[in-house]
Amino acid sequence: MENSCNCTPILKRKLCYCGEVPILKTSWTEMNPGRRFWGCRFYGKVGACDFFEWGDPAPHARYKSVMNGLLRKKSEAEEEIVKMGRTMRNWKIALWVVLMFIFVRCVNKFRGIADELELS
């Protein structure tokens, strides 16, 4: 029986200049946001080679501006979340201060009433 698979054969993996299998990484630079590339697994360590190869086809020209816009919006949203967290923490502190003030006032008021009852 003949094999009817139209599968693309698995390509033999390239090795980086160190002789190791490179790893797939993602670029988050402004020039290549979200692009995948193969790089030396020892990148950033002593003895790493300069192996580099794009892992995906070049994107459409508009992709870069759209992706950078989305990354900018994501960054702004994350900053807003941090700001809201600080604001919420400050409101919680203010609420505790007010509740403690009310508690102390109530305790003092009841002490005053208890003292008046003892005197009478």
N, C-alpha and C. Protein backbone atom coordinates (compact mmCIF):
# COMPACT_ATOMS: atom_id res chain seq x y z
N MET A 1 0.85 -1.18 0.00
CA MET A 1 0.00 0.00 0.00
C MET A 1 0.89 1.23 0.00
N GLU A 2 0.55 2.17 -0.83
CA GLU A 2 1.36 3.38 -1.00
C GLU A 2 1.01 4.41 0.07
N ASN A 3 2.00 5.12 0.57
CA ASN A 3 1.79 6.16 1.57
C ASN A 3 1.17 7.37 0.89
N SER A 4 -0.02 7.77 1.31
CA SER A 4 -0.71 8.89 0.66
C SER A 4 -0.63 10.18 1.47
N CYS A 5 0.28 10.25 2.40
CA CYS A 5 0.42 11.44 3.24
C CYS A 5 1.06 12.58 2.45
N ASN A 6 0.44 13.75 2.50
CA ASN A 6 1.00 14.94 1.87
C ASN A 6 1.78 15.77 2.88
N CYS A 7 2.29 15.12 3.91
CA CYS A 7 2.98 15.82 4.98
C CYS A 7 4.34 16.32 4.50
N THR A 8 4.71 17.48 5.01
CA THR A 8 6.04 18.00 4.74
C THR A 8 7.01 17.27 5.66
N PRO A 9 8.09 16.74 5.13
CA PRO A 9 9.03 16.03 6.00
C PRO A 9 9.64 16.99 7.02
N ILE A 10 9.90 16.48 8.20
CA ILE A 10 10.51 17.31 9.23
C ILE A 10 11.93 17.63 8.80
N LEU A 11 12.23 18.92 8.75
CA LEU A 11 13.56 19.34 8.33
C LEU A 11 14.56 19.06 9.43
N LYS A 12 15.73 18.70 9.02
CA LYS A 12 16.80 18.47 9.99
C LYS A 12 17.11 19.80 10.66
N ARG A 13 17.14 19.79 11.97
CA ARG A 13 17.39 21.02 12.72
C ARG A 13 18.79 21.52 12.47
N LYS A 14 18.87 22.84 12.33
CA LYS A 14 20.19 23.47 12.20
C LYS A 14 20.81 23.56 13.57
N LEU A 15 22.11 23.63 13.60
CA LEU A 15 22.83 23.84 14.84
C LEU A 15 23.41 25.24 14.81
N CYS A 16 23.52 25.85 15.98
CA CYS A 16 24.16 27.16 16.03
C CYS A 16 25.67 26.96 15.95
N TYR A 17 26.40 28.05 15.98
CA TYR A 17 27.85 27.98 15.81
C TYR A 17 28.54 27.30 16.99
N CYS A 18 27.82 27.13 18.10
CA CYS A 18 28.35 26.41 19.28
C CYS A 18 28.20 24.90 19.11
N GLY A 19 27.43 24.50 18.08
CA GLY A 19 27.15 23.08 17.88
C GLY A 19 25.93 22.62 18.64
N GLU A 20 25.19 23.55 19.21
CA GLU A 20 23.98 23.23 19.98
C GLU A 20 22.73 23.53 19.15
N VAL A 21 21.61 22.95 19.57
CA VAL A 21 20.34 23.24 18.90
C VAL A 21 19.87 24.61 19.37
N PRO A 22 19.63 25.54 18.45
CA PRO A 22 19.17 26.88 18.86
C PRO A 22 17.75 26.81 19.41
N ILE A 23 17.36 27.86 20.15
CA ILE A 23 16.01 27.89 20.70
C ILE A 23 15.20 29.01 20.04
N LEU A 24 13.90 28.80 19.97
CA LEU A 24 12.99 29.77 19.36
C LEU A 24 12.65 30.84 20.40
N LYS A 25 12.88 32.08 20.04
CA LYS A 25 12.63 33.20 20.94
C LYS A 25 11.71 34.20 20.24
N THR A 26 11.23 35.18 20.99
CA THR A 26 10.37 36.22 20.43
C THR A 26 11.02 37.57 20.64
N SER A 27 11.09 38.36 19.58
CA SER A 27 11.65 39.71 19.66
C SER A 27 10.56 40.67 20.10
N TRP A 28 10.89 41.55 21.04
CA TRP A 28 9.94 42.58 21.46
C TRP A 28 10.53 43.97 21.24
N THR A 29 11.43 44.08 20.26
CA THR A 29 11.99 45.39 19.93
C THR A 29 10.97 46.18 19.12
N GLU A 30 11.15 47.48 19.05
CA GLU A 30 10.24 48.32 18.29
C GLU A 30 10.32 48.01 16.79
N MET A 31 11.50 47.61 16.33
CA MET A 31 11.67 47.30 14.91
C MET A 31 11.06 45.95 14.52
N ASN A 32 11.01 45.00 15.44
CA ASN A 32 10.52 43.66 15.13
C ASN A 32 9.63 43.11 16.25
N PRO A 33 8.54 43.81 16.58
CA PRO A 33 7.70 43.35 17.69
C PRO A 33 6.99 42.04 17.37
N GLY A 34 7.15 41.08 18.27
CA GLY A 34 6.45 39.81 18.12
C GLY A 34 7.04 38.84 17.11
N ARG A 35 8.14 39.21 16.47
CA ARG A 35 8.74 38.30 15.49
C ARG A 35 9.49 37.19 16.19
N ARG A 36 9.37 36.00 15.64
CA ARG A 36 10.03 34.82 16.20
C ARG A 36 11.37 34.63 15.50
N PHE A 37 12.35 34.20 16.27
CA PHE A 37 13.67 33.94 15.69
C PHE A 37 14.37 32.83 16.45
N TRP A 38 15.31 32.20 15.76
CA TRP A 38 16.14 31.18 16.38
C TRP A 38 17.43 31.83 16.85
N GLY A 39 17.83 31.52 18.06
CA GLY A 39 19.05 32.09 18.61
C GLY A 39 19.79 31.06 19.45
N CYS A 40 21.04 31.36 19.71
CA CYS A 40 21.89 30.48 20.52
C CYS A 40 21.28 30.32 21.91
N ARG A 41 21.24 29.10 22.38
CA ARG A 41 20.66 28.84 23.70
C ARG A 41 21.49 29.44 24.82
N PHE A 42 22.72 29.81 24.52
CA PHE A 42 23.60 30.40 25.54
C PHE A 42 23.68 31.92 25.42
N TYR A 43 22.77 32.53 24.65
CA TYR A 43 22.79 33.97 24.45
C TYR A 43 22.85 34.69 25.80
N GLY A 44 23.74 35.67 25.91
CA GLY A 44 23.89 36.44 27.14
C GLY A 44 24.86 35.82 28.13
N LYS A 45 25.39 34.65 27.80
CA LYS A 45 26.35 33.99 28.69
C LYS A 45 27.73 33.98 28.02
N VAL A 46 28.74 33.77 28.82
CA VAL A 46 30.10 33.71 28.29
C VAL A 46 30.21 32.53 27.33
N GLY A 47 30.80 32.78 26.16
CA GLY A 47 31.01 31.72 25.18
C GLY A 47 29.86 31.52 24.21
N ALA A 48 28.82 32.32 24.31
CA ALA A 48 27.69 32.18 23.38
C ALA A 48 28.10 32.65 22.00
N CYS A 49 27.54 32.02 20.99
CA CYS A 49 27.83 32.46 19.61
C CYS A 49 26.79 33.49 19.17
N ASP A 50 26.96 34.02 17.98
CA ASP A 50 26.05 35.05 17.46
C ASP A 50 25.02 34.48 16.49
N PHE A 51 24.66 33.21 16.66
CA PHE A 51 23.72 32.60 15.73
C PHE A 51 22.37 33.32 15.80
N PHE A 52 21.83 33.61 14.61
CA PHE A 52 20.54 34.29 14.52
C PHE A 52 19.90 33.90 13.20
N GLU A 53 18.63 33.53 13.26
CA GLU A 53 17.88 33.23 12.04
C GLU A 53 16.41 33.47 12.31
N TRP A 54 15.74 34.22 11.42
CA TRP A 54 14.32 34.46 11.62
C TRP A 54 13.57 33.15 11.57
N GLY A 55 12.58 33.00 12.43
CA GLY A 55 11.79 31.79 12.49
C GLY A 55 10.44 31.93 11.83
N ASP A 56 10.14 33.10 11.32
CA ASP A 56 8.88 33.33 10.63
C ASP A 56 9.12 34.23 9.43
N PRO A 57 8.19 34.24 8.48
CA PRO A 57 8.37 35.12 7.32
C PRO A 57 8.23 36.59 7.72
N ALA A 58 8.81 37.46 6.92
CA ALA A 58 8.72 38.90 7.19
C ALA A 58 7.24 39.31 7.19
N PRO A 59 6.81 40.05 8.21
CA PRO A 59 5.40 40.44 8.28
C PRO A 59 5.07 41.57 7.31
N HIS A 60 3.78 41.80 7.14
CA HIS A 60 3.29 42.90 6.31
C HIS A 60 3.78 44.22 6.92
N ALA A 61 3.99 45.22 6.11
CA ALA A 61 4.53 46.51 6.58
C ALA A 61 3.66 47.13 7.68
N ARG A 62 2.37 47.00 7.60
CA ARG A 62 1.47 47.60 8.59
C ARG A 62 1.54 46.89 9.95
N TYR A 63 1.97 45.65 9.94
CA TYR A 63 2.03 44.84 11.16
C TYR A 63 2.84 45.53 12.25
N LYS A 64 3.97 46.09 11.88
CA LYS A 64 4.86 46.71 12.86
C LYS A 64 4.17 47.85 13.60
N SER A 65 3.50 48.74 12.86
CA SER A 65 2.85 49.88 13.52
C SER A 65 1.66 49.42 14.36
N VAL A 66 0.90 48.43 13.87
CA VAL A 66 -0.23 47.91 14.64
C VAL A 66 0.26 47.25 15.92
N MET A 67 1.28 46.41 15.79
CA MET A 67 1.81 45.69 16.95
C MET A 67 2.39 46.66 17.98
N ASN A 68 3.14 47.66 17.51
CA ASN A 68 3.70 48.64 18.44
C ASN A 68 2.60 49.43 19.14
N GLY A 69 1.52 49.75 18.41
CA GLY A 69 0.39 50.44 19.02
C GLY A 69 -0.27 49.59 20.10
N LEU A 70 -0.43 48.31 19.81
CA LEU A 70 -1.02 47.40 20.80
C LEU A 70 -0.12 47.26 22.03
N LEU A 71 1.18 47.15 21.80
CA LEU A 71 2.12 47.04 22.93
C LEU A 71 2.10 48.30 23.78
N ARG A 72 1.98 49.46 23.13
CA ARG A 72 1.92 50.73 23.85
C ARG A 72 0.64 50.79 24.71
N LYS A 73 -0.49 50.38 24.10
CA LYS A 73 -1.76 50.37 24.85
C LYS A 73 -1.70 49.40 26.02
N LYS A 74 -1.07 48.25 25.82
CA LYS A 74 -0.92 47.27 26.90
C LYS A 74 -0.10 47.86 28.03
N SER A 75 0.98 48.54 27.68
CA SER A 75 1.84 49.16 28.69
C SER A 75 1.08 50.23 29.46
N GLU A 76 0.31 51.05 28.74
CA GLU A 76 -0.49 52.10 29.39
C GLU A 76 -1.54 51.48 30.32
N ALA A 77 -2.16 50.39 29.88
CA ALA A 77 -3.18 49.72 30.71
C ALA A 77 -2.54 49.15 31.97
N GLU A 78 -1.34 48.58 31.83
CA GLU A 78 -0.65 48.03 33.00
C GLU A 78 -0.29 49.13 33.99
N GLU A 79 0.14 50.29 33.47
CA GLU A 79 0.44 51.43 34.34
C GLU A 79 -0.82 51.90 35.07
N GLU A 80 -1.94 51.92 34.36
CA GLU A 80 -3.21 52.33 34.96
C GLU A 80 -3.63 51.36 36.06
N ILE A 81 -3.41 50.08 35.84
CA ILE A 81 -3.74 49.07 36.85
C ILE A 81 -2.91 49.29 38.11
N VAL A 82 -1.62 49.59 37.94
CA VAL A 82 -0.76 49.85 39.09
C VAL A 82 -1.25 51.08 39.84
N LYS A 83 -1.61 52.14 39.09
CA LYS A 83 -2.12 53.37 39.70
C LYS A 83 -3.40 53.10 40.48
N MET A 84 -4.31 52.33 39.87
CA MET A 84 -5.57 52.01 40.54
C MET A 84 -5.33 51.18 41.80
N GLY A 85 -4.35 50.31 41.75
CA GLY A 85 -4.02 49.51 42.93
C GLY A 85 -3.55 50.40 44.08
N ARG A 86 -2.71 51.39 43.75
CA ARG A 86 -2.24 52.33 44.78
C ARG A 86 -3.42 53.12 45.35
N THR A 87 -4.29 53.60 44.46
CA THR A 87 -5.45 54.36 44.90
C THR A 87 -6.33 53.51 45.81
N MET A 88 -6.56 52.26 45.42
CA MET A 88 -7.39 51.38 46.23
C MET A 88 -6.75 51.14 47.59
N ARG A 89 -5.44 50.96 47.62
CA ARG A 89 -4.75 50.76 48.90
C ARG A 89 -4.92 51.99 49.79
N ASN A 90 -4.79 53.19 49.20
CA ASN A 90 -4.96 54.43 49.97
C ASN A 90 -6.38 54.55 50.52
N TRP A 91 -7.38 54.18 49.71
CA TRP A 91 -8.76 54.23 50.18
C TRP A 91 -9.00 53.23 51.31
N LYS A 92 -8.39 52.06 51.22
CA LYS A 92 -8.53 51.07 52.29
C LYS A 92 -7.93 51.60 53.59
N ILE A 93 -6.77 52.24 53.49
CA ILE A 93 -6.14 52.82 54.68
C ILE A 93 -7.04 53.90 55.27
N ALA A 94 -7.58 54.77 54.40
CA ALA A 94 -8.47 55.84 54.87
C ALA A 94 -9.71 55.25 55.54
N LEU A 95 -10.26 54.19 54.96
CA LEU A 95 -11.43 53.55 55.54
C LEU A 95 -11.12 52.98 56.93
N TRP A 96 -9.98 52.34 57.09
CA TRP A 96 -9.59 51.80 58.40
C TRP A 96 -9.41 52.92 59.42
N VAL A 97 -8.82 54.02 59.00
CA VAL A 97 -8.65 55.15 59.92
C VAL A 97 -10.01 55.66 60.38
N VAL A 98 -10.94 55.83 59.45
CA VAL A 98 -12.28 56.31 59.80
C VAL A 98 -12.99 55.32 60.72
N LEU A 99 -12.90 54.03 60.39
CA LEU A 99 -13.55 53.02 61.23
C LEU A 99 -12.95 53.00 62.64
N MET A 100 -11.64 53.12 62.75
CA MET A 100 -11.00 53.15 64.07
C MET A 100 -11.44 54.40 64.84
N PHE A 101 -11.55 55.52 64.15
CA PHE A 101 -12.01 56.76 64.79
C PHE A 101 -13.42 56.57 65.34
N ILE A 102 -14.30 56.01 64.51
CA ILE A 102 -15.68 55.77 64.94
C ILE A 102 -15.71 54.80 66.12
N PHE A 103 -14.91 53.75 66.06
CA PHE A 103 -14.85 52.77 67.15
C PHE A 103 -14.41 53.44 68.45
N VAL A 104 -13.35 54.24 68.39
CA VAL A 104 -12.86 54.92 69.59
C VAL A 104 -13.92 55.86 70.13
N ARG A 105 -14.60 56.60 69.24
CA ARG A 105 -15.66 57.51 69.68
C ARG A 105 -16.80 56.74 70.37
N CYS A 106 -17.17 55.61 69.79
CA CYS A 106 -18.26 54.81 70.39
C CYS A 106 -17.84 54.27 71.75
N VAL A 107 -16.62 53.76 71.86
CA VAL A 107 -16.13 53.24 73.14
C VAL A 107 -16.14 54.35 74.17
N ASN A 108 -15.64 55.51 73.83
CA ASN A 108 -15.62 56.64 74.77
C ASN A 108 -17.04 57.06 75.16
N LYS A 109 -17.94 57.05 74.20
CA LYS A 109 -19.33 57.43 74.47
C LYS A 109 -19.95 56.45 75.46
N PHE A 110 -19.75 55.13 75.21
CA PHE A 110 -20.31 54.13 76.11
C PHE A 110 -19.65 54.18 77.49
N ARG A 111 -18.37 54.49 77.53
CA ARG A 111 -17.70 54.65 78.83
C ARG A 111 -18.33 55.80 79.60
N GLY A 112 -18.59 56.89 78.87
CA GLY A 112 -19.23 58.06 79.51
C GLY A 112 -20.59 57.70 80.05
N ILE A 113 -21.37 56.94 79.27
CA ILE A 113 -22.70 56.52 79.72
C ILE A 113 -22.57 55.60 80.93
N ALA A 114 -21.62 54.68 80.89
CA ALA A 114 -21.42 53.75 82.01
C ALA A 114 -20.99 54.50 83.26
N ASP A 115 -20.12 55.49 83.10
CA ASP A 115 -19.69 56.29 84.26
C ASP A 115 -20.87 57.04 84.85
N GLU A 116 -21.74 57.60 84.01
CA GLU A 116 -22.92 58.33 84.50
C GLU A 116 -23.86 57.40 85.25
N LEU A 117 -24.00 56.17 84.75
CA LEU A 117 -24.88 55.20 85.42
C LEU A 117 -24.33 54.81 86.78
N GLU A 118 -23.01 54.69 86.88
CA GLU A 118 -22.39 54.32 88.16
C GLU A 118 -22.53 55.45 89.17
N LEU A 119 -22.48 56.69 88.70
CA LEU A 119 -22.58 57.84 89.60
C LEU A 119 -24.01 58.04 90.09
N SER A 120 -24.97 57.58 89.33
CA SER A 120 -26.34 57.82 89.75
C SER A 120 -26.86 56.82 90.73
